[in-house]
Amino acid sequence: MNALTAFAGLLKRDLRLSLRHRGDIALPLLFYIMVVCLFPLGAQPEAQLLARYAPAILWVAALLSTLLAMERLFRSDFDDGSLEQILLSPYPTAWLVMAKLVAHWLSTGLFLVVISPLLALILGLPAKVIPVLLLSLLLGTPILSLIGAIGMALTVGLPRGGMLLALLILPLYTPVLIFGANGVAAAVEGLPVQGPMLLLAAMLVLAITLAPLAIAAALRVSVE
């Protein structure tokens, strides 16, 4: 078995486990929908006001939903000993970690992206802005997962690491939130969006390159 086969095998395994635990998939998605839908009830339900703040609402809700889904990324593997087997594998740990991250995003982040156009229309966001919103989320949600996985790897051995996880990674989420929301807001105002989108793309490339290495190192520290 080569490294590519190991990557595909771990990816399929995690996707199958996600399908068996559909509640873990549904919870972040329902949270995302509830936050977006409840916001108009707590603010003035004016169409122009909602459309103005819709990019920030959608991005903050996506950020919190991603954070909610991070808890299950390594926890079950740590509890049943699978994480130790991954660390002892002859293949690079960062490579196998990337497989788990891809499976995690496909079972959480992708659903957030798919449901976002409907929620954007509920908030009164113009239809012409939907492609920019989708692009920003397609670029941004993997970054959120990669950054969140670093914090999760550092706290996986702690019995109550959820609060510490939030404290560790929320500051790191701030640039992604700023560029993602500002890009969509610029599209609403008819301004160029290339700048924020290119910055998100650059951040995604940097995160894909460096985050798996940091996660692998953090997991070794946590397990040892």
Protein backbone atom coordinates (compact mmCIF):
# COMPACT_ATOMS: atom_id res chain seq x y z
CA MET A 1 0.00 0.00 0.00
CA ASN A 2 1.42 3.36 -1.02
CA ALA A 3 0.80 6.78 0.49
CA LEU A 4 -1.98 7.63 -1.98
CA THR A 5 -3.84 4.43 -1.12
CA ALA A 6 -3.48 5.18 2.59
CA PHE A 7 -4.83 8.68 2.02
CA ALA A 8 -7.85 7.38 0.10
CA GLY A 9 -8.50 4.65 2.66
CA LEU A 10 -8.49 7.05 5.60
CA LEU A 11 -10.67 9.49 3.67
CA LYS A 12 -13.26 6.80 2.92
CA ARG A 13 -13.17 5.58 6.52
CA ASP A 14 -13.87 9.02 7.96
CA LEU A 15 -16.64 9.69 5.44
CA ARG A 16 -18.31 6.39 6.34
CA LEU A 17 -18.08 7.21 10.04
CA SER A 18 -19.63 10.61 9.36
CA LEU A 19 -22.55 8.98 7.56
CA ARG A 20 -23.10 6.65 10.50
CA HIS A 21 -23.21 9.60 12.91
CA ARG A 22 -25.51 11.90 10.99
CA GLY A 23 -26.20 13.94 14.10
CA ASP A 24 -22.62 15.21 14.02
CA ILE A 25 -23.25 16.47 10.49
CA ALA A 26 -26.68 17.91 11.21
CA LEU A 27 -25.78 19.80 14.39
CA PRO A 28 -23.44 22.41 12.85
CA LEU A 29 -25.74 22.80 9.87
CA LEU A 30 -28.81 23.34 12.05
CA PHE A 31 -26.86 25.76 14.22
CA TYR A 32 -25.87 27.71 11.09
CA ILE A 33 -29.47 27.89 9.91
CA MET A 34 -30.80 28.88 13.34
CA VAL A 35 -28.29 31.69 13.86
CA VAL A 36 -29.01 33.19 10.46
CA CYS A 37 -32.79 32.84 10.73
CA LEU A 38 -33.00 34.14 14.31
CA PHE A 39 -30.96 37.26 13.63
CA PRO A 40 -33.86 39.14 11.94
CA LEU A 41 -35.99 38.43 15.01
CA GLY A 42 -33.49 40.16 17.28
CA ALA A 43 -32.91 43.13 15.00
CA GLN A 44 -35.02 45.43 12.90
CA PRO A 45 -36.41 43.28 10.08
CA GLU A 46 -35.84 45.91 7.41
CA ALA A 47 -34.80 44.56 4.02
CA GLN A 48 -32.06 47.14 3.42
CA LEU A 49 -30.63 46.72 6.91
CA LEU A 50 -30.58 42.93 6.68
CA ALA A 51 -28.98 43.01 3.23
CA ARG A 52 -26.31 45.37 4.54
CA TYR A 53 -25.34 43.09 7.41
CA ALA A 54 -26.00 39.79 5.63
CA PRO A 55 -22.32 39.13 4.71
CA ALA A 56 -21.21 39.54 8.33
CA ILE A 57 -24.12 37.46 9.64
CA LEU A 58 -23.44 34.58 7.25
CA TRP A 59 -19.72 34.58 7.89
CA VAL A 60 -19.96 34.79 11.67
CA ALA A 61 -22.54 31.98 11.65
CA ALA A 62 -20.30 29.85 9.40
CA LEU A 63 -17.33 30.50 11.69
CA LEU A 64 -19.21 29.46 14.82
CA SER A 65 -20.67 26.40 13.09
CA THR A 66 -17.20 25.30 11.98
CA LEU A 67 -15.93 25.77 15.53
CA LEU A 68 -18.81 23.64 16.81
CA ALA A 69 -17.92 20.85 14.39
CA MET A 70 -14.22 20.80 15.31
CA GLU A 71 -14.77 18.89 18.55
CA ARG A 72 -15.28 15.56 16.78
CA LEU A 73 -12.30 15.84 14.42
CA PHE A 74 -9.73 13.93 16.51
CA ARG A 75 -11.67 13.13 19.69
CA SER A 76 -13.08 9.74 18.68
CA ASP A 77 -9.74 8.63 17.22
CA PHE A 78 -8.02 9.65 20.44
CA ASP A 79 -10.52 7.74 22.57
CA ASP A 80 -10.38 4.46 20.61
CA GLY A 81 -6.62 4.49 19.95
CA SER A 82 -6.84 5.09 16.19
CA LEU A 83 -4.91 8.32 16.56
CA GLU A 84 -1.89 6.48 17.91
CA GLN A 85 -2.01 4.13 14.91
CA ILE A 86 -2.01 7.14 12.59
CA LEU A 87 1.02 8.58 14.38
CA LEU A 88 2.83 5.22 14.20
CA SER A 89 2.03 4.75 10.51
CA PRO A 90 5.01 4.56 8.13
CA TYR A 91 3.41 7.28 6.05
CA PRO A 92 3.85 10.99 6.88
CA THR A 93 1.47 12.03 9.64
CA ALA A 94 0.78 15.36 7.92
CA TRP A 95 -0.36 13.46 4.81
CA LEU A 96 -2.80 11.31 6.78
CA VAL A 97 -4.01 14.31 8.76
CA MET A 98 -4.83 16.01 5.47
CA ALA A 99 -7.08 13.07 4.57
CA LYS A 100 -9.00 13.52 7.82
CA LEU A 101 -9.31 17.26 7.19
CA VAL A 102 -10.68 16.71 3.69
CA ALA A 103 -13.25 14.26 5.03
CA HIS A 104 -14.17 16.66 7.82
CA TRP A 105 -14.70 19.55 5.40
CA LEU A 106 -16.74 17.41 3.00
CA SER A 107 -19.05 16.37 5.85
CA THR A 108 -19.41 19.83 7.43
CA GLY A 109 -18.06 22.81 5.51
CA LEU A 110 -19.42 21.73 2.14
CA PHE A 111 -22.97 21.57 3.52
CA LEU A 112 -22.59 25.09 4.93
CA VAL A 113 -21.57 26.33 1.50
CA VAL A 114 -24.47 24.56 -0.23
CA ILE A 115 -27.13 25.96 2.12
CA SER A 116 -25.69 29.49 2.12
CA PRO A 117 -27.42 30.81 -1.06
CA LEU A 118 -30.86 30.06 0.40
CA LEU A 119 -30.00 31.76 3.68
CA ALA A 120 -28.52 34.71 1.79
CA LEU A 121 -31.78 35.19 -0.08
CA ILE A 122 -33.69 35.03 3.22
CA LEU A 123 -31.55 37.92 4.47
CA GLY A 124 -32.26 39.90 1.32
CA LEU A 125 -28.83 39.58 -0.26
CA PRO A 126 -29.03 40.35 -4.01
CA ALA A 127 -28.92 37.30 -6.26
CA LYS A 128 -25.99 38.73 -8.23
CA VAL A 129 -23.86 38.55 -5.07
CA ILE A 130 -24.47 34.83 -4.48
CA PRO A 131 -21.51 33.67 -6.66
CA VAL A 132 -19.15 35.89 -4.67
CA LEU A 133 -20.57 34.53 -1.41
CA LEU A 134 -20.09 30.94 -2.59
CA LEU A 135 -16.53 31.66 -3.72
CA SER A 136 -15.64 33.31 -0.42
CA LEU A 137 -17.03 30.39 1.57
CA LEU A 138 -15.37 27.80 -0.69
CA LEU A 139 -12.05 29.52 -0.05
CA GLY A 140 -12.67 30.43 3.58
CA THR A 141 -14.30 27.41 5.20
CA PRO A 142 -11.32 25.11 4.47
CA ILE A 143 -9.07 27.69 6.13
CA LEU A 144 -11.35 27.68 9.17
CA SER A 145 -11.12 23.89 9.33
CA LEU A 146 -7.34 23.88 8.95
CA ILE A 147 -6.81 26.51 11.64
CA GLY A 148 -9.35 24.89 13.94
CA ALA A 149 -7.64 21.53 13.54
CA ILE A 150 -4.43 23.00 14.96
CA GLY A 151 -6.24 24.06 18.11
CA MET A 152 -8.07 20.75 18.29
CA ALA A 153 -4.80 18.85 18.00
CA LEU A 154 -3.36 20.84 20.91
CA THR A 155 -6.38 20.20 23.15
CA VAL A 156 -7.40 16.68 22.12
CA GLY A 157 -5.89 15.15 25.24
CA LEU A 158 -7.68 17.52 27.60
CA PRO A 159 -10.99 16.39 29.16
CA ARG A 160 -12.62 19.80 28.68
CA GLY A 161 -10.78 21.44 25.86
CA GLY A 162 -13.73 23.11 24.16
CA MET A 163 -13.36 26.49 25.87
CA LEU A 164 -9.59 26.44 25.49
CA LEU A 165 -10.03 25.55 21.82
CA ALA A 166 -12.20 28.62 21.29
CA LEU A 167 -9.71 30.88 23.06
CA LEU A 168 -6.85 29.53 20.96
CA ILE A 169 -8.30 29.76 17.49
CA LEU A 170 -10.89 32.56 17.51
CA PRO A 171 -8.17 35.25 17.21
CA LEU A 172 -6.69 33.32 14.26
CA TYR A 173 -10.10 33.24 12.58
CA THR A 174 -10.32 37.04 12.53
CA PRO A 175 -8.44 37.68 9.22
CA VAL A 176 -10.50 35.06 7.42
CA LEU A 177 -13.70 36.61 8.75
CA ILE A 178 -12.62 40.10 7.72
CA PHE A 179 -11.63 39.25 4.16
CA GLY A 180 -14.55 36.89 3.60
CA ALA A 181 -17.25 39.25 4.85
CA ASN A 182 -15.63 42.33 3.26
CA GLY A 183 -15.44 40.61 -0.10
CA VAL A 184 -19.16 39.87 -0.10
CA ALA A 185 -19.94 43.36 1.23
CA ALA A 186 -17.89 44.86 -1.60
CA ALA A 187 -19.92 42.86 -4.11
CA VAL A 188 -23.13 44.23 -2.56
CA GLU A 189 -21.82 47.79 -3.04
CA GLY A 190 -20.70 47.07 -6.59
CA LEU A 191 -17.00 47.39 -5.71
CA PRO A 192 -14.17 45.11 -6.95
CA VAL A 193 -13.86 41.85 -5.05
CA GLN A 194 -10.62 40.53 -6.53
CA GLY A 195 -8.51 41.77 -3.62
CA PRO A 196 -10.30 39.95 -0.77
CA MET A 197 -10.76 36.80 -2.86
CA LEU A 198 -7.09 36.67 -3.82
CA LEU A 199 -6.08 37.18 -0.19
CA LEU A 200 -8.37 34.32 0.84
CA ALA A 201 -6.86 32.14 -1.88
CA ALA A 202 -3.34 32.98 -0.69
CA MET A 203 -4.31 32.20 2.90
CA LEU A 204 -5.79 28.87 1.78
CA VAL A 205 -2.58 27.88 -0.03
CA LEU A 206 -0.53 28.86 3.01
CA ALA A 207 -2.86 26.94 5.35
CA ILE A 208 -2.80 23.80 3.19
CA THR A 209 1.00 23.95 3.09
CA LEU A 210 1.75 24.60 6.76
CA ALA A 211 -1.28 23.57 8.83
CA PRO A 212 -0.93 19.76 8.36
CA LEU A 213 2.67 19.96 9.58
CA ALA A 214 1.65 21.97 12.64
CA ILE A 215 -1.26 19.60 13.33
CA ALA A 216 0.99 16.53 13.11
CA ALA A 217 3.45 18.07 15.57
CA ALA A 218 0.65 19.11 17.94
CA LEU A 219 -0.87 15.63 17.88
CA ARG A 220 2.44 14.03 18.80
CA VAL A 221 2.76 16.42 21.74
CA SER A 222 -0.81 15.77 22.88
CA VAL A 223 -0.59 11.99 22.62
CA GLU A 224 2.79 11.77 24.31
